[in-house]
Structure formats: C-alpha cells, structure tokens
Amino acid sequence: MLASGLKPDGVTFIGVLSACSRAGLVEKGLQYFESMIKEHGIIPIPDHYTCIIDLLGRAGRLEEVRNFINKMPCHPDAVGWATLLSSCGVHGDMEIGKWAADSLIELEPQNPASYKSLCCQREMERGGSVKKRNER
C-alpha cells in the first residue's frame, strides 16, 4: 500500500491491528499503533484502543492492558471493557476481570452479559467449574 503511494487511514489501521491480534503478532501490532500516531498523524479512536486491548489481552498480557487503559486519554467503551473481561476469563485473571466487569456494569448496567461474566469469575475464584455448573 505504502509502496503504491497510498496513505493508510484510521480504518486501515483497525484492520491491521485486528489482524495482528488474531495472528498473535503483539509486538508488530504495537509498532503499527505507534506508527499510526507518530508517522501517519492519525488520532486513535475507541476502536483503535479496543484493538490494542484485544491484542495484549489475547496474549495474556493483562497487566500491560491495565497500564495501557490507565494511560489512555479516554476510558474504554463497552466493547473495550467486554474484550478485556473476555481475556481475563480465558487467562484466569480474577482481579483485572473484576475491574473490567465493574467498569462494564457501570457503563451498561442493563447488559446481563456483564453480570454473567462476573458470576462465572466468582465461581472460578471459589474453585468451582463454570462448565460443570452450566451442564446441570
């Protein structure tokens, strides 16, 4: 794209960051995010931030996600919090998962998915198996 003289826009970077996330190319995705801002002058929107939350979260780098969120110029939207919550469930991080669930509930108190995820995490904290419980 760049070799052809075309300039990437914000939508292009959402695609690139999403692809890096799914392919597990964490460092490459972080480089693209920095390049987007510094080299291409694109101001990140919530979708870009959610891509980085997903990129780091899928890799289990949840403490880095927390630090990233705390440095963001805005708070994540519901999709960002739900993305982090999902990663916490996969990687078993109850502390950050609770933070994500509480933040998601604050944003969308009417969304039952937040409460279900929080209940599942509490069950896991007590040593229970959510899978076994759901099979009953």
Protein backbone atom coordinates (compact mmCIF):
# COMPACT_ATOMS: atom_id res chain seq x y z
CA MET A 1 0.00 0.00 0.00
CA LEU A 2 2.69 2.48 1.02
CA ALA A 3 4.86 1.40 -1.94
CA SER A 4 1.96 2.29 -4.24
CA GLY A 5 1.80 5.79 -2.78
CA LEU A 6 -1.46 5.17 -0.92
CA LYS A 7 -1.80 6.53 2.58
CA PRO A 8 -3.45 4.36 5.23
CA ASP A 9 -6.34 5.85 7.16
CA GLY A 10 -7.85 5.00 10.52
CA VAL A 11 -9.97 2.20 9.10
CA THR A 12 -6.91 0.63 7.50
CA PHE A 13 -5.20 0.54 10.88
CA ILE A 14 -8.22 -1.08 12.55
CA GLY A 15 -7.88 -3.91 10.03
CA VAL A 16 -4.13 -4.18 10.52
CA LEU A 17 -4.36 -4.13 14.32
CA SER A 18 -7.17 -6.70 14.30
CA ALA A 19 -5.14 -8.97 12.04
CA CYS A 20 -2.10 -8.67 14.31
CA SER A 21 -4.28 -9.54 17.30
CA ARG A 22 -5.69 -12.68 15.73
CA ALA A 23 -2.30 -13.77 14.42
CA GLY A 24 -0.61 -13.24 17.80
CA LEU A 25 1.74 -10.58 16.41
CA VAL A 26 1.76 -8.48 19.56
CA GLU A 27 4.98 -6.53 19.06
CA LYS A 28 4.17 -5.88 15.40
CA GLY A 29 0.71 -4.63 16.35
CA LEU A 30 2.15 -2.27 18.95
CA GLN A 31 4.62 -0.98 16.35
CA TYR A 32 1.78 -0.33 13.90
CA PHE A 33 -0.20 1.50 16.58
CA GLU A 34 2.78 3.78 17.32
CA SER A 35 3.38 4.28 13.58
CA MET A 36 -0.25 5.19 13.08
CA ILE A 37 0.11 8.04 15.56
CA LYS A 38 3.69 9.23 15.02
CA GLU A 39 4.29 8.61 11.31
CA HIS A 40 0.80 8.93 9.86
CA GLY A 41 -0.66 11.51 12.24
CA ILE A 42 -3.82 9.51 12.90
CA ILE A 43 -5.50 10.23 16.22
CA PRO A 44 -6.74 6.96 17.75
CA ILE A 45 -10.46 6.46 18.21
CA PRO A 46 -12.04 3.96 20.65
CA ASP A 47 -11.86 1.18 18.04
CA HIS A 48 -8.07 1.51 17.85
CA TYR A 49 -7.78 1.33 21.62
CA THR A 50 -10.04 -1.73 21.70
CA CYS A 51 -7.77 -3.40 19.15
CA ILE A 52 -4.78 -2.89 21.45
CA ILE A 53 -6.77 -4.17 24.45
CA ASP A 54 -7.58 -7.27 22.38
CA LEU A 55 -4.01 -7.61 21.08
CA LEU A 56 -2.49 -7.62 24.57
CA GLY A 57 -5.39 -9.47 26.19
CA ARG A 58 -5.29 -12.42 23.79
CA ALA A 59 -1.60 -12.76 24.56
CA GLY A 60 -2.33 -12.87 28.29
CA ARG A 61 -0.51 -9.59 28.90
CA LEU A 62 -3.29 -8.34 31.14
CA GLU A 63 -1.19 -6.16 33.40
CA GLU A 64 0.00 -4.34 30.26
CA VAL A 65 -3.64 -3.90 29.26
CA ARG A 66 -4.37 -2.32 32.64
CA ASN A 67 -1.41 0.05 32.26
CA PHE A 68 -2.46 0.87 28.69
CA ILE A 69 -6.02 1.67 29.76
CA ASN A 70 -4.79 3.83 32.63
CA LYS A 71 -2.71 5.86 30.15
CA MET A 72 -5.44 6.22 27.53
CA PRO A 73 -6.78 9.77 27.05
CA CYS A 74 -10.32 8.38 27.39
CA HIS A 75 -11.96 5.43 29.10
CA PRO A 76 -12.70 2.30 27.05
CA ASP A 77 -16.20 1.91 25.70
CA ALA A 78 -18.35 -1.12 26.50
CA VAL A 79 -16.71 -3.16 23.74
CA GLY A 80 -13.26 -2.43 25.15
CA TRP A 81 -14.25 -3.49 28.66
CA ALA A 82 -16.02 -6.61 27.37
CA THR A 83 -12.92 -7.50 25.35
CA LEU A 84 -10.74 -7.22 28.45
CA LEU A 85 -13.26 -9.18 30.52
CA SER A 86 -13.22 -11.99 27.98
CA SER A 87 -9.41 -12.13 28.01
CA CYS A 88 -9.41 -12.23 31.80
CA GLY A 89 -11.76 -15.21 31.69
CA VAL A 90 -9.52 -17.05 29.22
CA HIS A 91 -6.35 -16.35 31.20
CA GLY A 92 -7.88 -16.65 34.69
CA ASP A 93 -7.07 -13.17 35.98
CA MET A 94 -9.82 -12.51 38.52
CA GLU A 95 -8.50 -9.18 39.78
CA ILE A 96 -8.37 -7.41 36.42
CA GLY A 97 -11.51 -9.28 35.38
CA LYS A 98 -13.42 -7.79 38.31
CA TRP A 99 -12.17 -4.32 37.37
CA ALA A 100 -13.33 -4.86 33.78
CA ALA A 101 -16.70 -6.26 34.87
CA ASP A 102 -17.33 -3.44 37.33
CA SER A 103 -16.43 -0.88 34.66
CA LEU A 104 -18.67 -2.57 32.12
CA ILE A 105 -21.57 -2.72 34.59
CA GLU A 106 -21.09 0.98 35.31
CA LEU A 107 -21.32 1.76 31.59
CA GLU A 108 -24.12 -0.67 30.74
CA PRO A 109 -26.00 -1.67 33.89
CA GLN A 110 -28.79 -3.18 31.78
CA ASN A 111 -26.45 -5.61 29.99
CA PRO A 112 -26.86 -9.11 31.54
CA ALA A 113 -23.62 -10.36 29.95
CA SER A 114 -21.59 -8.29 32.42
CA TYR A 115 -23.31 -9.88 35.40
CA LYS A 116 -22.99 -13.38 33.99
CA SER A 117 -19.26 -12.94 33.38
CA LEU A 118 -18.78 -11.58 36.88
CA CYS A 119 -20.70 -14.55 38.36
CA CYS A 120 -18.61 -17.00 36.34
CA GLN A 121 -15.41 -15.40 37.58
CA ARG A 122 -16.62 -15.54 41.20
CA GLU A 123 -17.44 -19.23 40.76
CA MET A 124 -13.93 -19.85 39.44
CA GLU A 125 -12.44 -17.92 42.39
CA ARG A 126 -14.19 -20.33 44.75
CA GLY A 127 -12.64 -23.25 42.90
CA GLY A 128 -15.82 -24.23 41.11
CA SER A 129 -16.12 -25.16 37.49
CA VAL A 130 -18.38 -22.96 35.44
CA LYS A 131 -18.57 -25.64 32.77
CA LYS A 132 -19.78 -28.27 35.22
CA ARG A 133 -22.26 -25.85 36.76
CA ASN A 134 -23.66 -24.93 33.33
CA GLU A 135 -24.07 -28.60 32.38
CA ARG A 136 -26.54 -29.24 35.19
